[in-house]
Each structure stands twice: as C-alpha cells, then as structure tokens.
Amino acid sequence: MLDERELAFLQTRRRFARWWNAVGGLLLVALGGSAVWLRVDVPALMSPTYAAKQISAGALPQSSLELMAVLLPVAMWVLFVVTAVVIGFGFAVFTNERRYQSIIEALQTGLSEGRGT
C-alpha cells in the first residue's frame, strides 16, 4: 500500500493532469491570438512579402534592415510553430499521465480488494 506522502504526490499529479486541457487550450488560444495580433498590428514581423514591399518602397533603411526584414518574419513563424509543437507535446504528456493515474488507481483498487477478501 502507498504511504501518505505517495498518496499526496499522486493526488497532486492527478490535479495537474485534470487542469492541463484547460491550461493547454488557453495557451493555444493565446498563441493564436498573438499571431493574429502581430499579423494585423505589426505586419513587418509576420509577413515576408509586406517587409519586402516596405523595403522596395524605401520605408525601411536598406543598409541595416534588409536582412532583418526578410529573416525576422521567418523567425517569428518558426517561434510560433515550435511553441505550438511544445504545447502539443504537453497534451500528449498529460494524456499519458491520465492513463498512468488510471492504471495506478486500478492497481490500488485491486490490491485493496484482494486484501479485503
């Protein structure tokens, strides 16, 4: 049988696993909202074509911003994709966690029923 400390640990992990769908969903919404906000409010950060047009129009100094204007939108999208992948892995981890919790619970129930008979 498990001692009090182990039971408290399992209870904490159960609570974290229960909350992940809400937290992960909010993180995905925040990530998507950030991407949309940046695309609308600061298009030079998110759109390589917009940045290239700004360079062509002379709105950005050619000497210092040409490379940044082309590579920064790519870097921003890579950042968003990597963040989304990490959050996706979080969903996978917590799905497995819930499975582990149910296995532990089933084993605990089976042990306590076996001892009671």
PDB file of N, CA and C in Angstrom:
ATOM      1  N   MET A   1       0.845  -1.189   0.000  1.00  0.00           N
ATOM      2  CA  MET A   1       0.000   0.000   0.000  1.00  0.00           C
ATOM      3  C   MET A   1       0.886   1.247   0.000  1.00  0.00           C
ATOM      4  N   LEU A   2       0.354   2.332  -0.444  1.00  0.00           N
ATOM      5  CA  LEU A   2       1.102   3.579  -0.535  1.00  0.00           C
ATOM      6  C   LEU A   2       1.030   4.348   0.772  1.00  0.00           C
ATOM      7  N   ASP A   3       2.131   5.046   1.112  1.00  0.00           N
ATOM      8  CA  ASP A   3       2.106   5.862   2.330  1.00  0.00           C
ATOM      9  C   ASP A   3       1.483   7.225   2.018  1.00  0.00           C
ATOM     10  N   GLU A   4       1.352   8.047   3.036  1.00  0.00           N
ATOM     11  CA  GLU A   4       0.678   9.351   2.897  1.00  0.00           C
ATOM     12  C   GLU A   4       1.382  10.261   1.890  1.00  0.00           C
ATOM     13  N   ARG A   5       2.701  10.268   1.913  1.00  0.00           N
ATOM     14  CA  ARG A   5       3.464  11.121   1.005  1.00  0.00           C
ATOM     15  C   ARG A   5       3.238  10.712  -0.455  1.00  0.00           C
ATOM     16  N   GLU A   6       3.219   9.423  -0.723  1.00  0.00           N
ATOM     17  CA  GLU A   6       2.980   8.932  -2.085  1.00  0.00           C
ATOM     18  C   GLU A   6       1.562   9.233  -2.540  1.00  0.00           C
ATOM     19  N   LEU A   7       0.606   9.088  -1.631  1.00  0.00           N
ATOM     20  CA  LEU A   7      -0.786   9.416  -1.971  1.00  0.00           C
ATOM     21  C   LEU A   7      -0.935  10.904  -2.282  1.00  0.00           C
ATOM     22  N   ALA A   8      -0.256  11.756  -1.503  1.00  0.00           N
ATOM     23  CA  ALA A   8      -0.302  13.205  -1.755  1.00  0.00           C
ATOM     24  C   ALA A   8       0.325  13.522  -3.110  1.00  0.00           C
ATOM     25  N   PHE A   9       1.423  12.854  -3.422  1.00  0.00           N
ATOM     26  CA  PHE A   9       2.079  13.045  -4.721  1.00  0.00           C
ATOM     27  C   PHE A   9       1.138  12.665  -5.863  1.00  0.00           C
ATOM     28  N   LEU A  10       0.487  11.514  -5.747  1.00  0.00           N
ATOM     29  CA  LEU A  10      -0.444  11.071  -6.782  1.00  0.00           C
ATOM     30  C   LEU A  10      -1.626  12.030  -6.919  1.00  0.00           C
ATOM     31  N   GLN A  11      -2.102  12.541  -5.796  1.00  0.00           N
ATOM     32  CA  GLN A  11      -3.220  13.488  -5.828  1.00  0.00           C
ATOM     33  C   GLN A  11      -2.810  14.779  -6.545  1.00  0.00           C
ATOM     34  N   THR A  12      -1.595  15.250  -6.280  1.00  0.00           N
ATOM     35  CA  THR A  12      -1.105  16.457  -6.950  1.00  0.00           C
ATOM     36  C   THR A  12      -0.987  16.221  -8.447  1.00  0.00           C
ATOM     37  N   ARG A  13      -0.446  15.079  -8.845  1.00  0.00           N
ATOM     38  CA  ARG A  13      -0.322  14.767 -10.269  1.00  0.00           C
ATOM     39  C   ARG A  13      -1.681  14.621 -10.917  1.00  0.00           C
ATOM     40  N   ARG A  14      -2.639  14.059 -10.209  1.00  0.00           N
ATOM     41  CA  ARG A  14      -3.999  13.931 -10.732  1.00  0.00           C
ATOM     42  C   ARG A  14      -4.591  15.313 -10.990  1.00  0.00           C
ATOM     43  N   ARG A  15      -4.374  16.236 -10.049  1.00  0.00           N
ATOM     44  CA  ARG A  15      -4.898  17.596 -10.187  1.00  0.00           C
ATOM     45  C   ARG A  15      -4.256  18.298 -11.392  1.00  0.00           C
ATOM     46  N   PHE A  16      -2.936  18.168 -11.556  1.00  0.00           N
ATOM     47  CA  PHE A  16      -2.261  18.767 -12.712  1.00  0.00           C
ATOM     48  C   PHE A  16      -2.784  18.187 -14.020  1.00  0.00           C
ATOM     49  N   ALA A  17      -2.968  16.885 -14.059  1.00  0.00           N
ATOM     50  CA  ALA A  17      -3.455  16.234 -15.275  1.00  0.00           C
ATOM     51  C   ALA A  17      -4.868  16.700 -15.623  1.00  0.00           C
ATOM     52  N   ARG A  18      -5.697  16.900 -14.603  1.00  0.00           N
ATOM     53  CA  ARG A  18      -7.070  17.350 -14.846  1.00  0.00           C
ATOM     54  C   ARG A  18      -7.106  18.756 -15.432  1.00  0.00           C
ATOM     55  N   TRP A  19      -6.195  19.619 -15.004  1.00  0.00           N
ATOM     56  CA  TRP A  19      -6.206  21.013 -15.431  1.00  0.00           C
ATOM     57  C   TRP A  19      -5.525  21.242 -16.771  1.00  0.00           C
ATOM     58  N   TRP A  20      -4.767  20.268 -17.283  1.00  0.00           N
ATOM     59  CA  TRP A  20      -3.968  20.542 -18.477  1.00  0.00           C
ATOM     60  C   TRP A  20      -4.807  20.912 -19.693  1.00  0.00           C
ATOM     61  N   ASN A  21      -5.923  20.255 -19.942  1.00  0.00           N
ATOM     62  CA  ASN A  21      -6.713  20.585 -21.137  1.00  0.00           C
ATOM     63  C   ASN A  21      -7.129  22.048 -21.142  1.00  0.00           C
ATOM     64  N   ALA A  22      -7.536  22.559 -20.012  1.00  0.00           N
ATOM     65  CA  ALA A  22      -7.928  23.970 -19.941  1.00  0.00           C
ATOM     66  C   ALA A  22      -6.721  24.885 -20.118  1.00  0.00           C
ATOM     67  N   VAL A  23      -5.639  24.580 -19.421  1.00  0.00           N
ATOM     68  CA  VAL A  23      -4.445  25.421 -19.500  1.00  0.00           C
ATOM     69  C   VAL A  23      -3.841  25.351 -20.903  1.00  0.00           C
ATOM     70  N   GLY A  24      -3.707  24.143 -21.449  1.00  0.00           N
ATOM     71  CA  GLY A  24      -3.155  23.992 -22.794  1.00  0.00           C
ATOM     72  C   GLY A  24      -4.023  24.669 -23.841  1.00  0.00           C
ATOM     73  N   GLY A  25      -5.335  24.543 -23.693  1.00  0.00           N
ATOM     74  CA  GLY A  25      -6.242  25.213 -24.619  1.00  0.00           C
ATOM     75  C   GLY A  25      -6.092  26.726 -24.566  1.00  0.00           C
ATOM     76  N   LEU A  26      -5.987  27.267 -23.358  1.00  0.00           N
ATOM     77  CA  LEU A  26      -5.784  28.713 -23.211  1.00  0.00           C
ATOM     78  C   LEU A  26      -4.449  29.140 -23.813  1.00  0.00           C
ATOM     79  N   LEU A  27      -3.413  28.322 -23.637  1.00  0.00           N
ATOM     80  CA  LEU A  27      -2.116  28.645 -24.234  1.00  0.00           C
ATOM     81  C   LEU A  27      -2.197  28.662 -25.761  1.00  0.00           C
ATOM     82  N   LEU A  28      -2.911  27.698 -26.330  1.00  0.00           N
ATOM     83  CA  LEU A  28      -3.075  27.680 -27.786  1.00  0.00           C
ATOM     84  C   LEU A  28      -3.865  28.887 -28.278  1.00  0.00           C
ATOM     85  N   VAL A  29      -4.907  29.263 -27.551  1.00  0.00           N
ATOM     86  CA  VAL A  29      -5.684  30.448 -27.921  1.00  0.00           C
ATOM     87  C   VAL A  29      -4.814  31.697 -27.823  1.00  0.00           C
ATOM     88  N   ALA A  30      -4.019  31.793 -26.753  1.00  0.00           N
ATOM     89  CA  ALA A  30      -3.123  32.946 -26.598  1.00  0.00           C
ATOM     90  C   ALA A  30      -2.081  32.985 -27.715  1.00  0.00           C
ATOM     91  N   LEU A  31      -1.556  31.834 -28.065  1.00  0.00           N
ATOM     92  CA  LEU A  31      -0.575  31.768 -29.153  1.00  0.00           C
ATOM     93  C   LEU A  31      -1.202  32.206 -30.467  1.00  0.00           C
ATOM     94  N   GLY A  32      -2.391  31.677 -30.776  1.00  0.00           N
ATOM     95  CA  GLY A  32      -3.082  32.076 -32.000  1.00  0.00           C
ATOM     96  C   GLY A  32      -3.441  33.555 -31.994  1.00  0.00           C
ATOM     97  N   GLY A  33      -3.904  34.033 -30.847  1.00  0.00           N
ATOM     98  CA  GLY A  33      -4.232  35.452 -30.734  1.00  0.00           C
ATOM     99  C   GLY A  33      -3.013  36.338 -30.929  1.00  0.00           C
ATOM    100  N   SER A  34      -1.891  35.914 -30.380  1.00  0.00           N
ATOM    101  CA  SER A  34      -0.652  36.677 -30.559  1.00  0.00           C
ATOM    102  C   SER A  34      -0.246  36.716 -32.023  1.00  0.00           C
ATOM    103  N   ALA A  35      -0.375  35.588 -32.700  1.00  0.00           N
ATOM    104  CA  ALA A  35      -0.020  35.536 -34.119  1.00  0.00           C
ATOM    105  C   ALA A  35      -0.921  36.459 -34.938  1.00  0.00           C
ATOM    106  N   VAL A  36      -2.219  36.424 -34.660  1.00  0.00           N
ATOM    107  CA  VAL A  36      -3.158  37.286 -35.391  1.00  0.00           C
ATOM    108  C   VAL A  36      -2.878  38.752 -35.072  1.00  0.00           C
ATOM    109  N   TRP A  37      -2.677  39.052 -33.796  1.00  0.00           N
ATOM    110  CA  TRP A  37      -2.397  40.442 -33.400  1.00  0.00           C
ATOM    111  C   TRP A  37      -1.144  40.967 -34.078  1.00  0.00           C
ATOM    112  N   LEU A  38      -0.073  40.165 -34.066  1.00  0.00           N
ATOM    113  CA  LEU A  38       1.158  40.609 -34.717  1.00  0.00           C
ATOM    114  C   LEU A  38       0.963  40.769 -36.222  1.00  0.00           C
ATOM    115  N   ARG A  39       0.211  39.881 -36.840  1.00  0.00           N
ATOM    116  CA  ARG A  39      -0.028  39.955 -38.284  1.00  0.00           C
ATOM    117  C   ARG A  39      -0.788  41.230 -38.636  1.00  0.00           C
ATOM    118  N   VAL A  40      -1.735  41.619 -37.786  1.00  0.00           N
ATOM    119  CA  VAL A  40      -2.538  42.818 -38.049  1.00  0.00           C
ATOM    120  C   VAL A  40      -1.799  44.086 -37.636  1.00  0.00           C
ATOM    121  N   ASP A  41      -1.228  44.085 -36.436  1.00  0.00           N
ATOM    122  CA  ASP A  41      -0.642  45.297 -35.868  1.00  0.00           C
ATOM    123  C   ASP A  41       0.791  45.556 -36.331  1.00  0.00           C
ATOM    124  N   VAL A  42       1.571  44.506 -36.515  1.00  0.00           N
ATOM    125  CA  VAL A  42       2.977  44.656 -36.915  1.00  0.00           C
ATOM    126  C   VAL A  42       3.251  43.698 -38.076  1.00  0.00           C
ATOM    127  N   PRO A  43       2.688  43.965 -39.225  1.00  0.00           N
ATOM    128  CA  PRO A  43       2.806  43.016 -40.333  1.00  0.00           C
ATOM    129  C   PRO A  43       4.248  42.776 -40.790  1.00  0.00           C
ATOM    130  N   ALA A  44       5.141  43.722 -40.555  1.00  0.00           N
ATOM    131  CA  ALA A  44       6.534  43.528 -40.970  1.00  0.00           C
ATOM    132  C   ALA A  44       7.186  42.375 -40.207  1.00  0.00           C
ATOM    133  N   LEU A  45       6.684  42.077 -39.017  1.00  0.00           N
ATOM    134  CA  LEU A  45       7.222  40.960 -38.246  1.00  0.00           C
ATOM    135  C   LEU A  45       6.705  39.610 -38.731  1.00  0.00           C
ATOM    136  N   MET A  46       5.551  39.588 -39.364  1.00  0.00           N
ATOM    137  CA  MET A  46       4.908  38.323 -39.683  1.00  0.00           C
ATOM    138  C   MET A  46       4.781  38.036 -41.180  1.00  0.00           C
ATOM    139  N   SER A  47       4.989  39.005 -42.026  1.00  0.00           N
ATOM    140  CA  SER A  47       4.781  38.807 -43.457  1.00  0.00           C
ATOM    141  C   SER A  47       6.034  39.182 -44.244  1.00  0.00           C
ATOM    142  N   PRO A  48       6.713  38.176 -44.786  1.00  0.00           N
ATOM    143  CA  PRO A  48       7.899  38.486 -45.597  1.00  0.00           C
ATOM    144  C   PRO A  48       7.567  39.354 -46.819  1.00  0.00           C
ATOM    145  N   THR A  49       6.393  39.138 -47.405  1.00  0.00           N
ATOM    146  CA  THR A  49       6.036  39.947 -48.577  1.00  0.00           C
ATOM    147  C   THR A  49       5.813  41.405 -48.186  1.00  0.00           C
ATOM    148  N   TYR A  50       5.192  41.641 -47.043  1.00  0.00           N
ATOM    149  CA  TYR A  50       4.986  43.014 -46.577  1.00  0.00           C
ATOM    150  C   TYR A  50       6.331  43.679 -46.311  1.00  0.00           C
ATOM    151  N   ALA A  51       7.231  42.950 -45.629  1.00  0.00           N
ATOM    152  CA  ALA A  51       8.551  43.501 -45.327  1.00  0.00           C
ATOM    153  C   ALA A  51       9.299  43.828 -46.621  1.00  0.00           C
ATOM    154  N   ALA A  52       9.206  42.934 -47.606  1.00  0.00           N
ATOM    155  CA  ALA A  52       9.877  43.179 -48.881  1.00  0.00           C
ATOM    156  C   ALA A  52       9.291  44.398 -49.579  1.00  0.00           C
ATOM    157  N   LYS A  53       7.972  44.563 -49.508  1.00  0.00           N
ATOM    158  CA  LYS A  53       7.332  45.741 -50.119  1.00  0.00           C
ATOM    159  C   LYS A  53       7.765  47.022 -49.423  1.00  0.00           C
ATOM    160  N   GLN A  54       7.897  46.981 -48.106  1.00  0.00           N
ATOM    161  CA  GLN A  54       8.355  48.161 -47.365  1.00  0.00           C
ATOM    162  C   GLN A  54       9.779  48.524 -47.755  1.00  0.00           C
ATOM    163  N   ILE A  55      10.604  47.525 -47.950  1.00  0.00           N
ATOM    164  CA  ILE A  55      11.978  47.787 -48.389  1.00  0.00           C
ATOM    165  C   ILE A  55      11.960  48.402 -49.779  1.00  0.00           C
ATOM    166  N   SER A  56      11.127  47.851 -50.661  1.00  0.00           N
ATOM    167  CA  SER A  56      11.030  48.376 -52.034  1.00  0.00           C
ATOM    168  C   SER A  56      10.529  49.818 -52.050  1.00  0.00           C
ATOM    169  N   ALA A  57       9.633  50.138 -51.126  1.00  0.00           N
ATOM    170  CA  ALA A  57       9.076  51.494 -51.072  1.00  0.00           C
ATOM    171  C   ALA A  57      10.031  52.471 -50.402  1.00  0.00           C
ATOM    172  N   GLY A  58      11.120  51.958 -49.829  1.00  0.00           N
ATOM    173  CA  GLY A  58      12.074  52.838 -49.159  1.00  0.00           C
ATOM    174  C   GLY A  58      11.662  53.225 -47.755  1.00  0.00           C
ATOM    175  N   ALA A  59      10.664  52.557 -47.210  1.00  0.00           N
ATOM    176  CA  ALA A  59      10.202  52.882 -45.862  1.00  0.00           C
ATOM    177  C   ALA A  59      11.153  52.353 -44.792  1.00  0.00           C
ATOM    178  N   LEU A  60      11.959  51.356 -45.147  1.00  0.00           N
ATOM    179  CA  LEU A  60      12.955  50.816 -44.212  1.00  0.00           C
ATOM    180  C   LEU A  60      14.338  51.093 -44.787  1.00  0.00           C
ATOM    181  N   PRO A  61      15.277  51.544 -43.954  1.00  0.00           N
ATOM    182  CA  PRO A  61      16.640  51.779 -44.458  1.00  0.00           C
ATOM    183  C   PRO A  61      17.240  50.481 -44.991  1.00  0.00           C
ATOM    184  N   GLN A  62      17.698  50.500 -46.218  1.00  0.00           N
ATOM    185  CA  GLN A  62      18.220  49.311 -46.878  1.00  0.00           C
ATOM    186  C   GLN A  62      19.425  48.729 -46.132  1.00  0.00           C
ATOM    187  N   SER A  63      20.323  49.569 -45.683  1.00  0.00           N
ATOM    188  CA  SER A  63      21.593  49.093 -45.142  1.00  0.00           C
ATOM    189  C   SER A  63      21.437  48.228 -43.891  1.00  0.00           C
ATOM    190  N   SER A  64      20.593  48.641 -42.982  1.00  0.00           N
ATOM    191  CA  SER A  64      20.508  47.915 -41.705  1.00  0.00           C
ATOM    192  C   SER A  64      19.308  46.990 -41.569  1.00  0.00           C
ATOM    193  N   LEU A  65      18.266  47.196 -42.351  1.00  0.00           N
ATOM    194  CA  LEU A  65      17.037  46.429 -42.142  1.00  0.00           C
ATOM    195  C   LEU A  65      16.696  45.419 -43.236  1.00  0.00           C
ATOM    196  N   GLU A  66      17.451  45.368 -44.310  1.00  0.00           N
ATOM    197  CA  GLU A  66      17.092  44.459 -45.398  1.00  0.00           C
ATOM    198  C   GLU A  66      17.126  43.001 -44.953  1.00  0.00           C
ATOM    199  N   LEU A  67      18.211  42.596 -44.359  1.00  0.00           N
ATOM    200  CA  LEU A  67      18.318  41.215 -43.912  1.00  0.00           C
ATOM    201  C   LEU A  67      17.317  40.924 -42.794  1.00  0.00           C
ATOM    202  N   MET A  68      17.187  41.842 -41.846  1.00  0.00           N
ATOM    203  CA  MET A  68      16.234  41.644 -40.744  1.00  0.00           C
ATOM    204  C   MET A  68      14.799  41.567 -41.248  1.00  0.00           C
ATOM    205  N   ALA A  69      14.466  42.393 -42.188  1.00  0.00           N
ATOM    206  CA  ALA A  69      13.097  42.428 -42.689  1.00  0.00           C
ATOM    207  C   ALA A  69      12.723  41.141 -43.419  1.00  0.00           C
ATOM    208  N   VAL A  70      13.693  40.469 -44.013  1.00  0.00           N
ATOM    209  CA  VAL A  70      13.407  39.225 -44.710  1.00  0.00           C
ATOM    210  C   VAL A  70      13.425  38.036 -43.747  1.00  0.00           C
ATOM    211  N   LEU A  71      14.371  38.020 -42.816  1.00  0.00           N
ATOM    212  CA  LEU A  71      14.521  36.869 -41.923  1.00  0.00           C
ATOM    213  C   LEU A  71      13.653  36.921 -40.668  1.00  0.00           C
ATOM    214  N   LEU A  72      13.308  38.101 -40.200  1.00  0.00           N
ATOM    215  CA  LEU A  72      12.518  38.201 -38.973  1.00  0.00           C
ATOM    216  C   LEU A  72      11.138  37.553 -39.087  1.00  0.00           C
ATOM    217  N   PRO A  73      10.400  37.739 -40.182  1.00  0.00           N
ATOM    218  CA  PRO A  73       9.099  37.048 -40.273  1.00  0.00           C
ATOM    219  C   PRO A  73       9.247  35.521 -40.241  1.00  0.00           C
ATOM    220  N   VAL A  74      10.289  35.021 -40.893  1.00  0.00           N
ATOM    221  CA  VAL A  74      10.526  33.573 -40.871  1.00  0.00           C
ATOM    222  C   VAL A  74      10.821  33.128 -39.440  1.00  0.00           C
ATOM    223  N   ALA A  75      11.653  33.888 -38.745  1.00  0.00           N
ATOM    224  CA  ALA A  75      11.983  33.550 -37.356  1.00  0.00           C
ATOM    225  C   ALA A  75      10.746  33.586 -36.461  1.00  0.00           C
ATOM    226  N   MET A  76       9.878  34.549 -36.681  1.00  0.00           N
ATOM    227  CA  MET A  76       8.656  34.634 -35.869  1.00  0.00           C
ATOM    228  C   MET A  76       7.772  33.406 -36.100  1.00  0.00           C
ATOM    229  N   TRP A  77       7.602  32.985 -37.353  1.00  0.00           N
ATOM    230  CA  TRP A  77       6.770  31.815 -37.637  1.00  0.00           C
ATOM    231  C   TRP A  77       7.388  30.548 -37.067  1.00  0.00           C
ATOM    232  N   VAL A  78       8.710  30.430 -37.136  1.00  0.00           N
ATOM    233  CA  VAL A  78       9.375  29.273 -36.539  1.00  0.00           C
ATOM    234  C   VAL A  78       9.120  29.257 -35.035  1.00  0.00           C
ATOM    235  N   LEU A  79       9.201  30.415 -34.408  1.00  0.00           N
ATOM    236  CA  LEU A  79       8.926  30.508 -32.973  1.00  0.00           C
ATOM    237  C   LEU A  79       7.506  30.048 -32.649  1.00  0.00           C
ATOM    238  N   PHE A  80       6.537  30.497 -33.414  1.00  0.00           N
ATOM    239  CA  PHE A  80       5.148  30.092 -33.173  1.00  0.00           C
ATOM    240  C   PHE A  80       4.942  28.598 -33.420  1.00  0.00           C
ATOM    241  N   VAL A  81       5.555  28.060 -34.469  1.00  0.00           N
ATOM    242  CA  VAL A  81       5.415  26.628 -34.758  1.00  0.00           C
ATOM    243  C   VAL A  81       6.052  25.797 -33.646  1.00  0.00           C
ATOM    244  N   VAL A  82       7.239  26.178 -33.217  1.00  0.00           N
ATOM    245  CA  VAL A  82       7.909  25.442 -32.142  1.00  0.00           C
ATOM    246  C   VAL A  82       7.086  25.511 -30.855  1.00  0.00           C
ATOM    247  N   THR A  83       6.553  26.667 -30.552  1.00  0.00           N
ATOM    248  CA  THR A  83       5.718  26.805 -29.352  1.00  0.00           C
ATOM    249  C   THR A  83       4.475  25.923 -29.458  1.00  0.00           C
ATOM    250  N   ALA A  84       3.840  25.889 -30.622  1.00  0.00           N
ATOM    251  CA  ALA A  84       2.661  25.041 -30.802  1.00  0.00           C
ATOM    252  C   ALA A  84       3.027  23.562 -30.655  1.00  0.00           C
ATOM    253  N   VAL A  85       4.185  23.165 -31.165  1.00  0.00           N
ATOM    254  CA  VAL A  85       4.629  21.773 -31.029  1.00  0.00           C
ATOM    255  C   VAL A  85       4.863  21.432 -29.560  1.00  0.00           C
ATOM    256  N   VAL A  86       5.484  22.336 -28.828  1.00  0.00           N
ATOM    257  CA  VAL A  86       5.724  22.105 -27.395  1.00  0.00           C
ATOM    258  C   VAL A  86       4.399  21.952 -26.656  1.00  0.00           C
ATOM    259  N   ILE A  87       3.423  22.794 -26.967  1.00  0.00           N
ATOM    260  CA  ILE A  87       2.111  22.681 -26.328  1.00  0.00           C
ATOM    261  C   ILE A  87       1.454  21.364 -26.732  1.00  0.00           C
ATOM    262  N   GLY A  88       1.603  20.964 -27.992  1.00  0.00           N
ATOM    263  CA  GLY A  88       1.075  19.674 -28.438  1.00  0.00           C
ATOM    264  C   GLY A  88       1.695  18.520 -27.663  1.00  0.00           C
ATOM    265  N   PHE A  89       3.012  18.590 -27.431  1.00  0.00           N
ATOM    266  CA  PHE A  89       3.659  17.574 -26.612  1.00  0.00           C
ATOM    267  C   PHE A  89       3.101  17.588 -25.191  1.00  0.00           C
ATOM    268  N   GLY A  90       2.767  18.760 -24.699  1.00  0.00           N
ATOM    269  CA  GLY A  90       2.145  18.843 -23.371  1.00  0.00           C
ATOM    270  C   GLY A  90       0.837  18.077 -23.320  1.00  0.00           C
ATOM    271  N   PHE A  91       0.015  18.201 -24.366  1.00  0.00           N
ATOM    272  CA  PHE A  91      -1.224  17.429 -24.420  1.00  0.00           C
ATOM    273  C   PHE A  91      -0.931  15.932 -24.410  1.00  0.00           C
ATOM    274  N   ALA A  92       0.080  15.510 -25.172  1.00  0.00           N
ATOM    275  CA  ALA A  92       0.435  14.083 -25.206  1.00  0.00           C
ATOM    276  C   ALA A  92       0.924  13.608 -23.844  1.00  0.00           C
ATOM    277  N   VAL A  93       1.743  14.404 -23.194  1.00  0.00           N
ATOM    278  CA  VAL A  93       2.277  14.031 -21.870  1.00  0.00           C
ATOM    279  C   VAL A  93       1.143  13.878 -20.871  1.00  0.00           C
ATOM    280  N   PHE A  94       0.222  14.816 -20.865  1.00  0.00           N
ATOM    281  CA  PHE A  94      -0.847  14.736 -19.876  1.00  0.00           C
ATOM    282  C   PHE A  94      -1.878  13.666 -20.218  1.00  0.00           C
ATOM    283  N   THR A  95      -2.004  13.313 -21.487  1.00  0.00           N
ATOM    284  CA  THR A  95      -2.844  12.165 -21.835  1.00  0.00           C
ATOM    285  C   THR A  95      -2.237  10.905 -21.245  1.00  0.00           C
ATOM    286  N   ASN A  96      -0.939  10.746 -21.412  1.00  0.00           N
ATOM    287  CA  ASN A  96      -0.251   9.601 -20.807  1.00  0.00           C
ATOM    288  C   ASN A  96      -0.338   9.636 -19.293  1.00  0.00           C
ATOM    289  N   GLU A  97      -0.225  10.812 -18.718  1.00  0.00           N
ATOM    290  CA  GLU A  97      -0.323  10.947 -17.261  1.00  0.00           C
ATOM    291  C   GLU A  97      -1.674  10.453 -16.751  1.00  0.00           C
ATOM    292  N   ARG A  98      -2.737  10.827 -17.452  1.00  0.00           N
ATOM    293  CA  ARG A  98      -4.057  10.357 -17.038  1.00  0.00           C
ATOM    294  C   ARG A  98      -4.152   8.838 -17.143  1.00  0.00           C
ATOM    295  N   ARG A  99      -3.523   8.256 -18.177  1.00  0.00           N
ATOM    296  CA  ARG A  99      -3.501   6.798 -18.293  1.00  0.00           C
ATOM    297  C   ARG A  99      -2.754   6.171 -17.124  1.00  0.00           C
ATOM    298  N   TYR A 100      -1.609   6.729 -16.783  1.00  0.00           N
ATOM    299  CA  TYR A 100      -0.836   6.208 -15.654  1.00  0.00           C
ATOM    300  C   TYR A 100      -1.640   6.297 -14.364  1.00  0.00           C
ATOM    301  N   GLN A 101      -2.341   7.411 -14.200  1.00  0.00           N
ATOM    302  CA  GLN A 101      -3.150   7.582 -12.995  1.00  0.00           C
ATOM    303  C   GLN A 101      -4.236   6.508 -12.914  1.00  0.00           C
ATOM    304  N   SER A 102      -4.876   6.215 -14.043  1.00  0.00           N
ATOM    305  CA  SER A 102      -5.935   5.202 -14.018  1.00  0.00           C
ATOM    306  C   SER A 102      -5.355   3.809 -13.765  1.00  0.00           C
ATOM    307  N   ILE A 103      -4.150   3.539 -14.285  1.00  0.00           N
ATOM    308  CA  ILE A 103      -3.500   2.252 -14.020  1.00  0.00           C
ATOM    309  C   ILE A 103      -3.172   2.132 -12.540  1.00  0.00           C
ATOM    310  N   ILE A 104      -2.606   3.182 -11.972  1.00  0.00           N
ATOM    311  CA  ILE A 104      -2.260   3.166 -10.544  1.00  0.00           C
ATOM    312  C   ILE A 104      -3.506   2.990  -9.705  1.00  0.00           C
ATOM    313  N   GLU A 105      -4.570   3.713 -10.067  1.00  0.00           N
ATOM    314  CA  GLU A 105      -5.822   3.600  -9.322  1.00  0.00           C
ATOM    315  C   GLU A 105      -6.393   2.185  -9.412  1.00  0.00           C
ATOM    316  N   ALA A 106      -6.339   1.599 -10.619  1.00  0.00           N
ATOM    317  CA  ALA A 106      -6.839   0.235 -10.788  1.00  0.00           C
ATOM    318  C   ALA A 106      -6.008  -0.754  -9.971  1.00  0.00           C
ATOM    319  N   LEU A 107      -4.701  -0.564  -9.967  1.00  0.00           N
ATOM    320  CA  LEU A 107      -3.835  -1.441  -9.166  1.00  0.00           C
ATOM    321  C   LEU A 107      -4.118  -1.271  -7.678  1.00  0.00           C
ATOM    322  N   GLN A 108      -4.313  -0.041  -7.246  1.00  0.00           N
ATOM    323  CA  GLN A 108      -4.618   0.230  -5.839  1.00  0.00           C
ATOM    324  C   GLN A 108      -5.935  -0.419  -5.457  1.00  0.00           C
ATOM    325  N   THR A 109      -6.938  -0.255  -6.304  1.00  0.00           N
ATOM    326  CA  THR A 109      -8.249  -0.841  -6.030  1.00  0.00           C
ATOM    327  C   THR A 109      -8.149  -2.370  -5.986  1.00  0.00           C
ATOM    328  N   GLY A 110      -7.396  -2.936  -6.942  1.00  0.00           N
ATOM    329  CA  GLY A 110      -7.230  -4.374  -6.978  1.00  0.00           C
ATOM    330  C   GLY A 110      -6.491  -4.893  -5.754  1.00  0.00           C
ATOM    331  N   LEU A 111      -5.498  -4.155  -5.283  1.00  0.00           N
ATOM    332  CA  LEU A 111      -4.760  -4.572  -4.099  1.00  0.00           C
ATOM    333  C   LEU A 111      -5.615  -4.503  -2.848  1.00  0.00           C
ATOM    334  N   SER A 112      -6.370  -3.423  -2.718  1.00  0.00           N
ATOM    335  CA  SER A 112      -7.184  -3.288  -1.515  1.00  0.00           C
ATOM    336  C   SER A 112      -8.351  -4.287  -1.515  1.00  0.00           C
ATOM    337  N   GLU A 113      -8.881  -4.610  -2.712  1.00  0.00           N
ATOM    338  CA  GLU A 113      -9.940  -5.624  -2.762  1.00  0.00           C
ATOM    339  C   GLU A 113      -9.376  -7.011  -2.489  1.00  0.00           C
ATOM    340  N   GLY A 114      -8.162  -7.258  -2.947  1.00  0.00           N
ATOM    341  CA  GLY A 114      -7.525  -8.560  -2.720  1.00  0.00           C
ATOM    342  C   GLY A 114      -7.193  -8.793  -1.260  1.00  0.00           C
ATOM    343  N   ARG A 115      -6.841  -7.735  -0.546  1.00  0.00           N
ATOM    344  CA  ARG A 115      -6.522  -7.857   0.873  1.00  0.00           C
ATOM    345  C   ARG A 115      -7.778  -7.993   1.725  1.00  0.00           C
ATOM    346  N   GLY A 116      -8.868  -7.434   1.208  1.00  0.00           N
ATOM    347  CA  GLY A 116     -10.095  -7.451   1.991  1.00  0.00           C
ATOM    348  C   GLY A 116     -10.778  -8.813   1.985  1.00  0.00           C
ATOM    349  N   THR A 117     -10.428  -9.693   1.053  1.00  0.00           N
ATOM    350  CA  THR A 117     -11.110 -10.989   0.982  1.00  0.00           C
ATOM    351  C   THR A 117     -10.322 -12.077   1.626  1.00  0.00           C
TER     352      THR A 117
END
